[in-house]
Amino acid sequence: MIKSQLRPSGITNERLLSALKEIPREIFLPSELQYRAYQDQEIIFENGRFLLNPLSFANLIQTSELKPHDRILDIGCTTGYSTAVLSFLTHTVIGTENDDTMVEMATKNLATLGSTNARVYRSDLKLGYPDEEPYDVIFIHGAVETIPEGLLCQLSEEGGRLVTIQGTSELLISRFENKYSKTSLGNMIASPLPEFKREKSFKF
């Protein structure tokens, strides 16, 4: 995965590559899907939740420019793989899922790895997790149509960043005090998160 997918495609952050090498992706999958752990494609679970493909996932993390002291909110963490990788790179990670089974699986997987700086809670994904704000980085695990203002308010006022995929582009939103800057980066495709669909306006 690292040699054939990530390095040739511009993933150069050595701390990130070390984390991806150290953390076994297959333990976050049910036995019948483990053979697909390192393939360059999304892995979709029976309930419709999914793991991003390795390159899209690594691109989002590299874009966020994580620092060792950062506090992270990982939205839509499924079985905890993204939370585990982020916990390898930063001080504290809060993962959220809206499915009890996924929360239980993620918590168990993180315990298996011996992670002590990551926790997973059940929460409506679009609400984030305000009990633990502010966050230096918010990572949304999937494609979105819109980002709620209440979620942006959970970013640190001193350079907080949100990374996700909007439409077919990687998106970076940065916050300084009450000002936000939005940057669309390279092309990227991911399955959508239904919780972040734009509400349709009523027409007469």
C-alpha atoms as a PDB file:
ATOM      1  CA  MET A   1       0.000   0.000   0.000  1.00  0.00           C
ATOM      2  CA  ILE A   2       2.715   2.470   0.959  1.00  0.00           C
ATOM      3  CA  LYS A   3       5.122   1.589  -1.856  1.00  0.00           C
ATOM      4  CA  SER A   4       2.644   1.150  -4.699  1.00  0.00           C
ATOM      5  CA  GLN A   5      -0.181   3.556  -3.786  1.00  0.00           C
ATOM      6  CA  LEU A   6       0.866   6.282  -1.376  1.00  0.00           C
ATOM      7  CA  ARG A   7       4.467   7.310  -2.055  1.00  0.00           C
ATOM      8  CA  PRO A   8       4.024   7.379  -5.873  1.00  0.00           C
ATOM      9  CA  SER A   9       0.958   9.591  -5.422  1.00  0.00           C
ATOM     10  CA  GLY A  10       2.651  12.264  -3.320  1.00  0.00           C
ATOM     11  CA  ILE A  11       2.219  11.112   0.273  1.00  0.00           C
ATOM     12  CA  THR A  12       5.559  12.213   1.715  1.00  0.00           C
ATOM     13  CA  ASN A  13       4.844  12.854   5.412  1.00  0.00           C
ATOM     14  CA  GLU A  14       7.069  10.319   7.131  1.00  0.00           C
ATOM     15  CA  ARG A  15       5.189  10.394  10.457  1.00  0.00           C
ATOM     16  CA  LEU A  16       1.984   9.585   8.613  1.00  0.00           C
ATOM     17  CA  LEU A  17       3.593   6.802   6.593  1.00  0.00           C
ATOM     18  CA  SER A  18       5.020   5.320   9.798  1.00  0.00           C
ATOM     19  CA  ALA A  19       1.563   5.349  11.395  1.00  0.00           C
ATOM     20  CA  LEU A  20       0.018   3.642   8.373  1.00  0.00           C
ATOM     21  CA  LYS A  21       2.778   1.025   8.483  1.00  0.00           C
ATOM     22  CA  GLU A  22       2.412   0.371  12.209  1.00  0.00           C
ATOM     23  CA  ILE A  23      -1.379   0.105  12.403  1.00  0.00           C
ATOM     24  CA  PRO A  24      -2.818  -3.100  10.876  1.00  0.00           C
ATOM     25  CA  ARG A  25      -5.791  -1.990   8.752  1.00  0.00           C
ATOM     26  CA  GLU A  26      -7.206  -5.520   8.582  1.00  0.00           C
ATOM     27  CA  ILE A  27      -8.144  -5.693  12.281  1.00  0.00           C
ATOM     28  CA  PHE A  28     -10.710  -2.946  11.664  1.00  0.00           C
ATOM     29  CA  LEU A  29     -12.581  -5.126   9.174  1.00  0.00           C
ATOM     30  CA  PRO A  30     -14.843  -8.150   9.607  1.00  0.00           C
ATOM     31  CA  SER A  31     -13.120 -11.404   8.688  1.00  0.00           C
ATOM     32  CA  GLU A  32     -14.877 -11.668   5.317  1.00  0.00           C
ATOM     33  CA  LEU A  33     -13.476  -8.279   4.226  1.00  0.00           C
ATOM     34  CA  GLN A  34      -9.949  -8.502   5.581  1.00  0.00           C
ATOM     35  CA  TYR A  35      -8.502  -9.650   2.251  1.00  0.00           C
ATOM     36  CA  ARG A  36      -9.396  -6.201   0.881  1.00  0.00           C
ATOM     37  CA  ALA A  37      -7.662  -4.253   3.634  1.00  0.00           C
ATOM     38  CA  TYR A  38      -4.867  -2.795   1.501  1.00  0.00           C
ATOM     39  CA  GLN A  39      -6.631  -2.486  -1.839  1.00  0.00           C
ATOM     40  CA  ASP A  40      -6.905   0.982  -3.356  1.00  0.00           C
ATOM     41  CA  GLN A  41     -10.671   1.263  -2.960  1.00  0.00           C
ATOM     42  CA  GLU A  42     -13.313   2.076  -0.392  1.00  0.00           C
ATOM     43  CA  ILE A  43     -14.553  -0.721   1.804  1.00  0.00           C
ATOM     44  CA  ILE A  44     -18.295  -0.562   2.436  1.00  0.00           C
ATOM     45  CA  PHE A  45     -19.930  -2.291   5.390  1.00  0.00           C
ATOM     46  CA  GLU A  46     -23.370  -3.904   5.435  1.00  0.00           C
ATOM     47  CA  ASN A  47     -24.939  -0.872   7.113  1.00  0.00           C
ATOM     48  CA  GLY A  48     -23.628   1.464   4.422  1.00  0.00           C
ATOM     49  CA  ARG A  49     -20.774   2.933   6.484  1.00  0.00           C
ATOM     50  CA  PHE A  50     -17.339   2.744   4.907  1.00  0.00           C
ATOM     51  CA  LEU A  51     -13.584   3.193   5.132  1.00  0.00           C
ATOM     52  CA  LEU A  52     -12.090   5.673   2.679  1.00  0.00           C
ATOM     53  CA  ASN A  53      -9.599   4.277   0.212  1.00  0.00           C
ATOM     54  CA  PRO A  54      -6.032   4.530   1.574  1.00  0.00           C
ATOM     55  CA  LEU A  55      -4.892   7.323  -0.764  1.00  0.00           C
ATOM     56  CA  SER A  56      -7.856   9.636  -0.115  1.00  0.00           C
ATOM     57  CA  PHE A  57      -7.516   9.013   3.608  1.00  0.00           C
ATOM     58  CA  ALA A  58      -3.792   9.761   3.597  1.00  0.00           C
ATOM     59  CA  ASN A  59      -4.273  12.869   1.457  1.00  0.00           C
ATOM     60  CA  LEU A  60      -6.765  14.338   3.901  1.00  0.00           C
ATOM     61  CA  ILE A  61      -4.460  13.741   6.849  1.00  0.00           C
ATOM     62  CA  GLN A  62      -1.429  15.151   5.040  1.00  0.00           C
ATOM     63  CA  THR A  63      -3.410  18.266   4.083  1.00  0.00           C
ATOM     64  CA  SER A  64      -4.411  18.905   7.694  1.00  0.00           C
ATOM     65  CA  GLU A  65      -0.735  19.289   8.734  1.00  0.00           C
ATOM     66  CA  LEU A  66      -1.210  17.592  12.082  1.00  0.00           C
ATOM     67  CA  LYS A  67       0.992  18.553  14.995  1.00  0.00           C
ATOM     68  CA  PRO A  68       1.850  16.307  17.974  1.00  0.00           C
ATOM     69  CA  HIS A  69      -0.102  18.472  20.449  1.00  0.00           C
ATOM     70  CA  ASP A  70      -3.301  18.727  18.359  1.00  0.00           C
ATOM     71  CA  ARG A  71      -6.781  17.747  19.534  1.00  0.00           C
ATOM     72  CA  ILE A  72      -8.759  16.012  16.790  1.00  0.00           C
ATOM     73  CA  LEU A  73     -12.442  15.350  16.148  1.00  0.00           C
ATOM     74  CA  ASP A  74     -12.843  12.343  13.836  1.00  0.00           C
ATOM     75  CA  ILE A  75     -16.404  12.313  12.456  1.00  0.00           C
ATOM     76  CA  GLY A  76     -17.723   9.069  11.009  1.00  0.00           C
ATOM     77  CA  CYS A  77     -14.882   6.910  12.306  1.00  0.00           C
ATOM     78  CA  THR A  78     -16.659   3.594  11.514  1.00  0.00           C
ATOM     79  CA  THR A  79     -14.683   0.810  13.231  1.00  0.00           C
ATOM     80  CA  GLY A  80     -11.934   3.126  14.484  1.00  0.00           C
ATOM     81  CA  TYR A  81      -9.199   2.849  11.847  1.00  0.00           C
ATOM     82  CA  SER A  82      -9.020   6.579  11.173  1.00  0.00           C
ATOM     83  CA  THR A  83      -9.126   7.317  14.909  1.00  0.00           C
ATOM     84  CA  ALA A  84      -6.254   4.907  15.501  1.00  0.00           C
ATOM     85  CA  VAL A  85      -4.057   6.485  12.814  1.00  0.00           C
ATOM     86  CA  LEU A  86      -4.822   9.985  14.051  1.00  0.00           C
ATOM     87  CA  SER A  87      -4.064   8.970  17.646  1.00  0.00           C
ATOM     88  CA  PHE A  88      -0.619   7.826  16.523  1.00  0.00           C
ATOM     89  CA  LEU A  89       0.063  11.351  15.231  1.00  0.00           C
ATOM     90  CA  THR A  90      -1.565  13.668  17.783  1.00  0.00           C
ATOM     91  CA  HIS A  91      -2.284  14.279  21.459  1.00  0.00           C
ATOM     92  CA  THR A  92      -6.019  13.529  21.710  1.00  0.00           C
ATOM     93  CA  VAL A  93      -8.610  12.114  19.308  1.00  0.00           C
ATOM     94  CA  ILE A  94     -12.377  12.049  19.771  1.00  0.00           C
ATOM     95  CA  GLY A  95     -14.141   9.757  17.309  1.00  0.00           C
ATOM     96  CA  THR A  96     -17.874   9.854  16.659  1.00  0.00           C
ATOM     97  CA  GLU A  97     -20.327   7.426  15.091  1.00  0.00           C
ATOM     98  CA  ASN A  98     -24.119   7.313  14.973  1.00  0.00           C
ATOM     99  CA  ASP A  99     -24.297   3.523  15.135  1.00  0.00           C
ATOM    100  CA  ASP A 100     -24.004   1.664  18.459  1.00  0.00           C
ATOM    101  CA  THR A 101     -22.387  -1.373  16.835  1.00  0.00           C
ATOM    102  CA  MET A 102     -19.725   0.780  15.176  1.00  0.00           C
ATOM    103  CA  VAL A 103     -19.010   2.597  18.446  1.00  0.00           C
ATOM    104  CA  GLU A 104     -18.580  -0.728  20.229  1.00  0.00           C
ATOM    105  CA  MET A 105     -16.330  -2.126  17.503  1.00  0.00           C
ATOM    106  CA  ALA A 106     -14.199   1.007  17.355  1.00  0.00           C
ATOM    107  CA  THR A 107     -13.768   1.093  21.125  1.00  0.00           C
ATOM    108  CA  LYS A 108     -12.769  -2.583  21.172  1.00  0.00           C
ATOM    109  CA  ASN A 109     -10.296  -2.142  18.301  1.00  0.00           C
ATOM    110  CA  LEU A 110      -8.624   0.836  19.950  1.00  0.00           C
ATOM    111  CA  ALA A 111      -8.313  -1.145  23.183  1.00  0.00           C
ATOM    112  CA  THR A 112      -6.708  -4.019  21.256  1.00  0.00           C
ATOM    113  CA  LEU A 113      -4.084  -1.587  19.963  1.00  0.00           C
ATOM    114  CA  GLY A 114      -3.503  -0.261  23.457  1.00  0.00           C
ATOM    115  CA  SER A 115      -4.500   3.275  22.504  1.00  0.00           C
ATOM    116  CA  THR A 116      -4.731   5.575  25.526  1.00  0.00           C
ATOM    117  CA  ASN A 117      -5.379   8.950  23.865  1.00  0.00           C
ATOM    118  CA  ALA A 118      -8.484   8.162  21.777  1.00  0.00           C
ATOM    119  CA  ARG A 119     -12.151   7.752  22.665  1.00  0.00           C
ATOM    120  CA  VAL A 120     -15.245   7.057  20.562  1.00  0.00           C
ATOM    121  CA  TYR A 121     -18.738   8.316  21.333  1.00  0.00           C
ATOM    122  CA  ARG A 122     -22.147   7.963  19.766  1.00  0.00           C
ATOM    123  CA  SER A 123     -23.313  11.254  18.286  1.00  0.00           C
ATOM    124  CA  ASP A 124     -25.287  12.695  15.402  1.00  0.00           C
ATOM    125  CA  LEU A 125     -22.441  13.188  12.932  1.00  0.00           C
ATOM    126  CA  LYS A 126     -23.463  16.663  11.815  1.00  0.00           C
ATOM    127  CA  LEU A 127     -23.440  17.874  15.428  1.00  0.00           C
ATOM    128  CA  GLY A 128     -19.812  16.948  16.049  1.00  0.00           C
ATOM    129  CA  TYR A 129     -19.000  16.556  19.738  1.00  0.00           C
ATOM    130  CA  PRO A 130     -19.175  19.957  21.474  1.00  0.00           C
ATOM    131  CA  ASP A 131     -18.497  18.494  24.937  1.00  0.00           C
ATOM    132  CA  GLU A 132     -14.787  18.232  24.082  1.00  0.00           C
ATOM    133  CA  GLU A 133     -14.291  21.356  21.921  1.00  0.00           C
ATOM    134  CA  PRO A 134     -12.305  23.219  20.733  1.00  0.00           C
ATOM    135  CA  TYR A 135     -10.520  21.050  18.193  1.00  0.00           C
ATOM    136  CA  ASP A 136      -7.386  21.892  16.260  1.00  0.00           C
ATOM    137  CA  VAL A 137      -8.545  19.643  13.423  1.00  0.00           C
ATOM    138  CA  ILE A 138     -11.927  18.204  12.438  1.00  0.00           C
ATOM    139  CA  PHE A 139     -11.726  15.267  10.058  1.00  0.00           C
ATOM    140  CA  ILE A 140     -14.949  14.233   8.262  1.00  0.00           C
ATOM    141  CA  HIS A 141     -14.690  10.678   6.989  1.00  0.00           C
ATOM    142  CA  GLY A 142     -16.574  10.929   3.674  1.00  0.00           C
ATOM    143  CA  ALA A 143     -18.032  13.332   1.121  1.00  0.00           C
ATOM    144  CA  VAL A 144     -20.351  16.153   2.185  1.00  0.00           C
ATOM    145  CA  GLU A 145     -22.661  18.590   0.450  1.00  0.00           C
ATOM    146  CA  THR A 146     -22.772  21.100   3.273  1.00  0.00           C
ATOM    147  CA  ILE A 147     -21.017  21.742   6.587  1.00  0.00           C
ATOM    148  CA  PRO A 148     -23.141  22.958   9.529  1.00  0.00           C
ATOM    149  CA  GLU A 149     -22.080  26.242  11.109  1.00  0.00           C
ATOM    150  CA  GLY A 150     -22.290  24.620  14.529  1.00  0.00           C
ATOM    151  CA  LEU A 151     -19.549  22.222  13.504  1.00  0.00           C
ATOM    152  CA  LEU A 152     -17.238  24.997  12.324  1.00  0.00           C
ATOM    153  CA  CYS A 153     -17.721  26.733  15.666  1.00  0.00           C
ATOM    154  CA  GLN A 154     -16.049  23.742  17.345  1.00  0.00           C
ATOM    155  CA  LEU A 155     -12.751  24.579  15.629  1.00  0.00           C
ATOM    156  CA  SER A 156     -10.035  26.323  17.593  1.00  0.00           C
ATOM    157  CA  GLU A 157      -9.978  30.074  16.898  1.00  0.00           C
ATOM    158  CA  GLU A 158      -6.206  29.898  16.489  1.00  0.00           C
ATOM    159  CA  GLY A 159      -5.764  28.140  13.158  1.00  0.00           C
ATOM    160  CA  GLY A 160      -8.308  25.336  13.506  1.00  0.00           C
ATOM    161  CA  ARG A 161      -8.680  23.252  10.323  1.00  0.00           C
ATOM    162  CA  LEU A 162     -11.477  21.114   8.916  1.00  0.00           C
ATOM    163  CA  VAL A 163     -10.714  18.615   6.157  1.00  0.00           C
ATOM    164  CA  THR A 164     -13.176  16.612   4.105  1.00  0.00           C
ATOM    165  CA  ILE A 165     -14.350  15.999   0.545  1.00  0.00           C
ATOM    166  CA  GLN A 166     -16.993  18.266  -0.964  1.00  0.00           C
ATOM    167  CA  GLY A 167     -18.359  17.263  -4.337  1.00  0.00           C
ATOM    168  CA  THR A 168     -15.298  15.910  -6.112  1.00  0.00           C
ATOM    169  CA  SER A 169     -12.675  18.065  -4.376  1.00  0.00           C
ATOM    170  CA  GLU A 170     -10.615  17.843  -1.243  1.00  0.00           C
ATOM    171  CA  LEU A 171     -11.694  20.707   1.013  1.00  0.00           C
ATOM    172  CA  LEU A 172      -9.723  22.593   3.670  1.00  0.00           C
ATOM    173  CA  ILE A 173     -11.420  25.163   5.904  1.00  0.00           C
ATOM    174  CA  SER A 174      -9.234  27.191   8.264  1.00  0.00           C
ATOM    175  CA  ARG A 175     -10.395  29.350  11.174  1.00  0.00           C
ATOM    176  CA  PHE A 176      -8.724  32.411  12.681  1.00  0.00           C
ATOM    177  CA  GLU A 177     -10.890  34.036  15.370  1.00  0.00           C
ATOM    178  CA  ASN A 178     -14.318  34.308  13.697  1.00  0.00           C
ATOM    179  CA  LYS A 179     -13.074  34.317  10.119  1.00  0.00           C
ATOM    180  CA  TYR A 180     -13.048  31.221   7.920  1.00  0.00           C
ATOM    181  CA  SER A 181     -11.141  30.583   4.702  1.00  0.00           C
ATOM    182  CA  LYS A 182     -12.143  27.813   2.316  1.00  0.00           C
ATOM    183  CA  THR A 183      -9.758  26.146  -0.125  1.00  0.00           C
ATOM    184  CA  SER A 184     -10.598  23.458  -2.674  1.00  0.00           C
ATOM    185  CA  LEU A 185      -7.582  21.309  -3.457  1.00  0.00           C
ATOM    186  CA  GLY A 186      -7.078  18.304  -5.751  1.00  0.00           C
ATOM    187  CA  ASN A 187      -9.790  16.084  -7.164  1.00  0.00           C
ATOM    188  CA  MET A 188     -10.997  13.365  -4.829  1.00  0.00           C
ATOM    189  CA  ILE A 189     -14.042  11.117  -4.742  1.00  0.00           C
ATOM    190  CA  ALA A 190     -15.647   9.382  -1.770  1.00  0.00           C
ATOM    191  CA  SER A 191     -18.995   7.946  -0.806  1.00  0.00           C
ATOM    192  CA  PRO A 192     -21.341  10.581   0.639  1.00  0.00           C
ATOM    193  CA  LEU A 193     -22.345  10.906   4.250  1.00  0.00           C
ATOM    194  CA  PRO A 194     -26.160  11.262   4.212  1.00  0.00           C
ATOM    195  CA  GLU A 195     -26.074  13.372   7.382  1.00  0.00           C
ATOM    196  CA  PHE A 196     -24.338  16.160   5.447  1.00  0.00           C
ATOM    197  CA  LYS A 197     -26.751  16.413   2.523  1.00  0.00           C
ATOM    198  CA  ARG A 198     -28.022  19.884   1.696  1.00  0.00           C
ATOM    199  CA  GLU A 199     -31.664  20.356   2.581  1.00  0.00           C
ATOM    200  CA  LYS A 200     -33.858  20.804  -0.475  1.00  0.00           C
ATOM    201  CA  SER A 201     -35.682  24.115  -0.610  1.00  0.00           C
ATOM    202  CA  PHE A 202     -39.455  24.116  -1.018  1.00  0.00           C
ATOM    203  CA  LYS A 203     -40.705  25.163  -4.424  1.00  0.00           C
ATOM    204  CA  PHE A 204     -44.265  26.276  -5.292  1.00  0.00           C
END
